[in-house]
Amino acid sequence: MKTLLRAALVAALIVPAFAGDALVYRCDNMCPLAQTANTHRAYGLEARTLSKVARADVAAVVEANLARV
C-alpha cells in the first residue's frame, strides 16, 4: 500500500514537469483590467490592500460598539 501511494505521489509530481507549457493557460486577448488584477493577485498586492480595508472595517465596527457602551 505504501509503495502504491509513493508511486502515485511521484507520478503526480513528474507529470507537470514533462507537460511543460501544456499546463499553462495564456490568453492573448485578455483585457488590461484583468491583466492588472492578475498581477495584483500574483504578487500579493490584492491581499495586502484588502487586509487594510478589512482592518479599517473591523476598527469602525469596534468603535461603534464601544461608543454604544
N, C-alpha and C. Protein backbone atom coordinates (compact mmCIF):
# COMPACT_ATOMS: atom_id res chain seq x y z
N MET A 1 0.82 -1.19 0.00
CA MET A 1 0.00 0.00 0.00
C MET A 1 0.87 1.26 0.00
N LYS A 2 1.94 1.25 0.81
CA LYS A 2 2.83 2.41 0.85
C LYS A 2 3.52 2.62 -0.48
N THR A 3 3.88 1.53 -1.15
CA THR A 3 4.55 1.62 -2.43
C THR A 3 3.62 2.24 -3.47
N LEU A 4 2.36 1.83 -3.46
CA LEU A 4 1.38 2.38 -4.39
C LEU A 4 1.16 3.87 -4.13
N LEU A 5 1.11 4.25 -2.87
CA LEU A 5 0.94 5.66 -2.51
C LEU A 5 2.15 6.49 -2.95
N ARG A 6 3.33 5.95 -2.74
CA ARG A 6 4.55 6.64 -3.18
C ARG A 6 4.60 6.78 -4.69
N ALA A 7 4.22 5.73 -5.40
CA ALA A 7 4.22 5.77 -6.86
C ALA A 7 3.23 6.82 -7.37
N ALA A 8 2.07 6.92 -6.74
CA ALA A 8 1.09 7.92 -7.15
C ALA A 8 1.61 9.33 -6.88
N LEU A 9 2.27 9.52 -5.76
CA LEU A 9 2.84 10.83 -5.43
C LEU A 9 3.93 11.21 -6.42
N VAL A 10 4.80 10.30 -6.74
CA VAL A 10 5.88 10.57 -7.70
C VAL A 10 5.29 10.89 -9.06
N ALA A 11 4.28 10.14 -9.48
CA ALA A 11 3.64 10.39 -10.78
C ALA A 11 2.99 11.77 -10.80
N ALA A 12 2.35 12.15 -9.69
CA ALA A 12 1.70 13.46 -9.63
C ALA A 12 2.72 14.60 -9.70
N LEU A 13 3.92 14.36 -9.22
CA LEU A 13 4.96 15.38 -9.27
C LEU A 13 5.69 15.41 -10.60
N ILE A 14 5.78 14.28 -11.28
CA ILE A 14 6.53 14.19 -12.52
C ILE A 14 5.72 14.68 -13.72
N VAL A 15 4.43 14.43 -13.75
CA VAL A 15 3.61 14.78 -14.92
C VAL A 15 3.69 16.27 -15.26
N PRO A 16 3.54 17.18 -14.30
CA PRO A 16 3.66 18.60 -14.67
C PRO A 16 5.05 18.98 -15.19
N ALA A 17 6.07 18.30 -14.74
CA ALA A 17 7.42 18.61 -15.20
C ALA A 17 7.58 18.29 -16.68
N PHE A 18 6.98 17.20 -17.13
CA PHE A 18 7.09 16.82 -18.54
C PHE A 18 6.07 17.54 -19.41
N ALA A 19 5.02 18.07 -18.81
CA ALA A 19 3.99 18.73 -19.59
C ALA A 19 4.48 20.07 -20.14
N GLY A 20 5.40 20.70 -19.44
CA GLY A 20 5.95 21.97 -19.92
C GLY A 20 4.89 23.06 -19.96
N ASP A 21 4.74 23.68 -21.13
CA ASP A 21 3.78 24.77 -21.29
C ASP A 21 2.37 24.29 -21.54
N ALA A 22 2.16 23.01 -21.60
CA ALA A 22 0.82 22.49 -21.87
C ALA A 22 -0.14 22.80 -20.72
N LEU A 23 0.36 22.94 -19.51
CA LEU A 23 -0.50 23.21 -18.36
C LEU A 23 -0.62 24.70 -18.05
N VAL A 24 0.04 25.54 -18.83
CA VAL A 24 0.00 26.99 -18.60
C VAL A 24 -1.09 27.58 -19.48
N TYR A 25 -1.98 28.34 -18.86
CA TYR A 25 -3.05 28.98 -19.62
C TYR A 25 -2.63 30.42 -19.92
N ARG A 26 -2.60 30.74 -21.18
CA ARG A 26 -2.27 32.10 -21.58
C ARG A 26 -3.35 32.60 -22.53
N CYS A 27 -3.78 33.80 -22.28
CA CYS A 27 -4.80 34.40 -23.12
C CYS A 27 -4.23 35.71 -23.66
N ASP A 28 -4.07 35.77 -24.97
CA ASP A 28 -3.50 36.97 -25.58
C ASP A 28 -4.52 38.10 -25.68
N ASN A 29 -5.80 37.78 -25.59
CA ASN A 29 -6.84 38.79 -25.74
C ASN A 29 -7.39 39.28 -24.40
N MET A 30 -6.67 39.04 -23.32
CA MET A 30 -7.15 39.43 -22.02
C MET A 30 -7.17 40.96 -21.91
N CYS A 31 -8.24 41.48 -21.34
CA CYS A 31 -8.36 42.93 -21.23
C CYS A 31 -7.34 43.47 -20.22
N PRO A 32 -6.97 44.73 -20.33
CA PRO A 32 -5.98 45.32 -19.42
C PRO A 32 -6.40 45.28 -17.95
N LEU A 33 -7.70 45.41 -17.70
CA LEU A 33 -8.17 45.36 -16.32
C LEU A 33 -7.93 43.98 -15.70
N ALA A 34 -8.18 42.94 -16.47
CA ALA A 34 -7.94 41.59 -15.98
C ALA A 34 -6.45 41.33 -15.80
N GLN A 35 -5.63 41.85 -16.69
CA GLN A 35 -4.19 41.69 -16.55
C GLN A 35 -3.69 42.37 -15.28
N THR A 36 -4.20 43.54 -14.99
CA THR A 36 -3.81 44.26 -13.77
C THR A 36 -4.23 43.49 -12.54
N ALA A 37 -5.47 42.98 -12.55
CA ALA A 37 -5.96 42.21 -11.40
C ALA A 37 -5.13 40.96 -11.19
N ASN A 38 -4.78 40.27 -12.26
CA ASN A 38 -3.97 39.06 -12.13
C ASN A 38 -2.58 39.38 -11.60
N THR A 39 -2.02 40.51 -12.00
CA THR A 39 -0.71 40.92 -11.49
C THR A 39 -0.79 41.21 -10.00
N HIS A 40 -1.85 41.90 -9.58
CA HIS A 40 -2.02 42.18 -8.15
C HIS A 40 -2.14 40.89 -7.36
N ARG A 41 -2.89 39.93 -7.89
CA ARG A 41 -3.05 38.65 -7.19
C ARG A 41 -1.74 37.88 -7.16
N ALA A 42 -1.00 37.91 -8.25
CA ALA A 42 0.24 37.13 -8.33
C ALA A 42 1.29 37.63 -7.35
N TYR A 43 1.35 38.93 -7.14
CA TYR A 43 2.37 39.49 -6.26
C TYR A 43 1.87 39.76 -4.85
N GLY A 44 0.63 39.42 -4.55
CA GLY A 44 0.10 39.57 -3.20
C GLY A 44 -0.35 40.98 -2.86
N LEU A 45 -0.41 41.85 -3.85
CA LEU A 45 -0.81 43.23 -3.59
C LEU A 45 -2.29 43.32 -3.23
N GLU A 46 -3.08 42.45 -3.85
CA GLU A 46 -4.52 42.48 -3.59
C GLU A 46 -4.81 42.10 -2.13
N ALA A 47 -4.16 41.07 -1.64
CA ALA A 47 -4.38 40.63 -0.27
C ALA A 47 -3.94 41.70 0.72
N ARG A 48 -2.83 42.35 0.44
CA ARG A 48 -2.33 43.40 1.32
C ARG A 48 -3.31 44.56 1.38
N THR A 49 -3.84 44.94 0.22
CA THR A 49 -4.81 46.05 0.16
C THR A 49 -6.10 45.67 0.86
N LEU A 50 -6.59 44.46 0.61
CA LEU A 50 -7.84 44.03 1.22
C LEU A 50 -7.70 43.89 2.73
N SER A 51 -6.53 43.49 3.21
CA SER A 51 -6.37 43.36 4.65
C SER A 51 -6.44 44.73 5.33
N LYS A 52 -5.93 45.78 4.66
CA LYS A 52 -6.04 47.13 5.21
C LYS A 52 -7.50 47.56 5.27
N VAL A 53 -8.25 47.26 4.22
CA VAL A 53 -9.67 47.62 4.19
C VAL A 53 -10.43 46.85 5.26
N ALA A 54 -10.13 45.57 5.38
CA ALA A 54 -10.81 44.74 6.39
C ALA A 54 -10.50 45.24 7.79
N ARG A 55 -9.24 45.60 8.05
CA ARG A 55 -8.88 46.14 9.37
C ARG A 55 -9.62 47.43 9.66
N ALA A 56 -9.75 48.28 8.67
CA ALA A 56 -10.46 49.55 8.86
C ALA A 56 -11.94 49.29 9.14
N ASP A 57 -12.54 48.31 8.45
CA ASP A 57 -13.94 47.97 8.69
C ASP A 57 -14.14 47.43 10.10
N VAL A 58 -13.25 46.56 10.52
CA VAL A 58 -13.36 45.99 11.87
C VAL A 58 -13.17 47.07 12.92
N ALA A 59 -12.22 47.96 12.71
CA ALA A 59 -11.99 49.04 13.66
C ALA A 59 -13.21 49.94 13.77
N ALA A 60 -13.87 50.21 12.64
CA ALA A 60 -15.07 51.05 12.66
C ALA A 60 -16.19 50.38 13.44
N VAL A 61 -16.36 49.08 13.26
CA VAL A 61 -17.40 48.35 13.98
C VAL A 61 -17.10 48.32 15.48
N VAL A 62 -15.83 48.10 15.82
CA VAL A 62 -15.45 48.07 17.23
C VAL A 62 -15.67 49.45 17.88
N GLU A 63 -15.30 50.50 17.17
CA GLU A 63 -15.50 51.84 17.71
C GLU A 63 -16.99 52.13 17.89
N ALA A 64 -17.81 51.71 16.96
CA ALA A 64 -19.26 51.92 17.07
C ALA A 64 -19.81 51.16 18.28
N ASN A 65 -19.34 49.94 18.47
CA ASN A 65 -19.80 49.15 19.61
C ASN A 65 -19.35 49.76 20.95
N LEU A 66 -18.12 50.27 20.98
CA LEU A 66 -17.62 50.90 22.20
C LEU A 66 -18.37 52.22 22.49
N ALA A 67 -18.76 52.91 21.46
CA ALA A 67 -19.50 54.16 21.63
C ALA A 67 -20.88 53.89 22.24
N ARG A 68 -21.47 52.74 21.92
CA ARG A 68 -22.77 52.39 22.50
C ARG A 68 -22.66 52.05 23.97
N VAL A 69 -21.51 51.57 24.38
CA VAL A 69 -21.31 51.17 25.79
C VAL A 69 -21.03 52.40 26.57
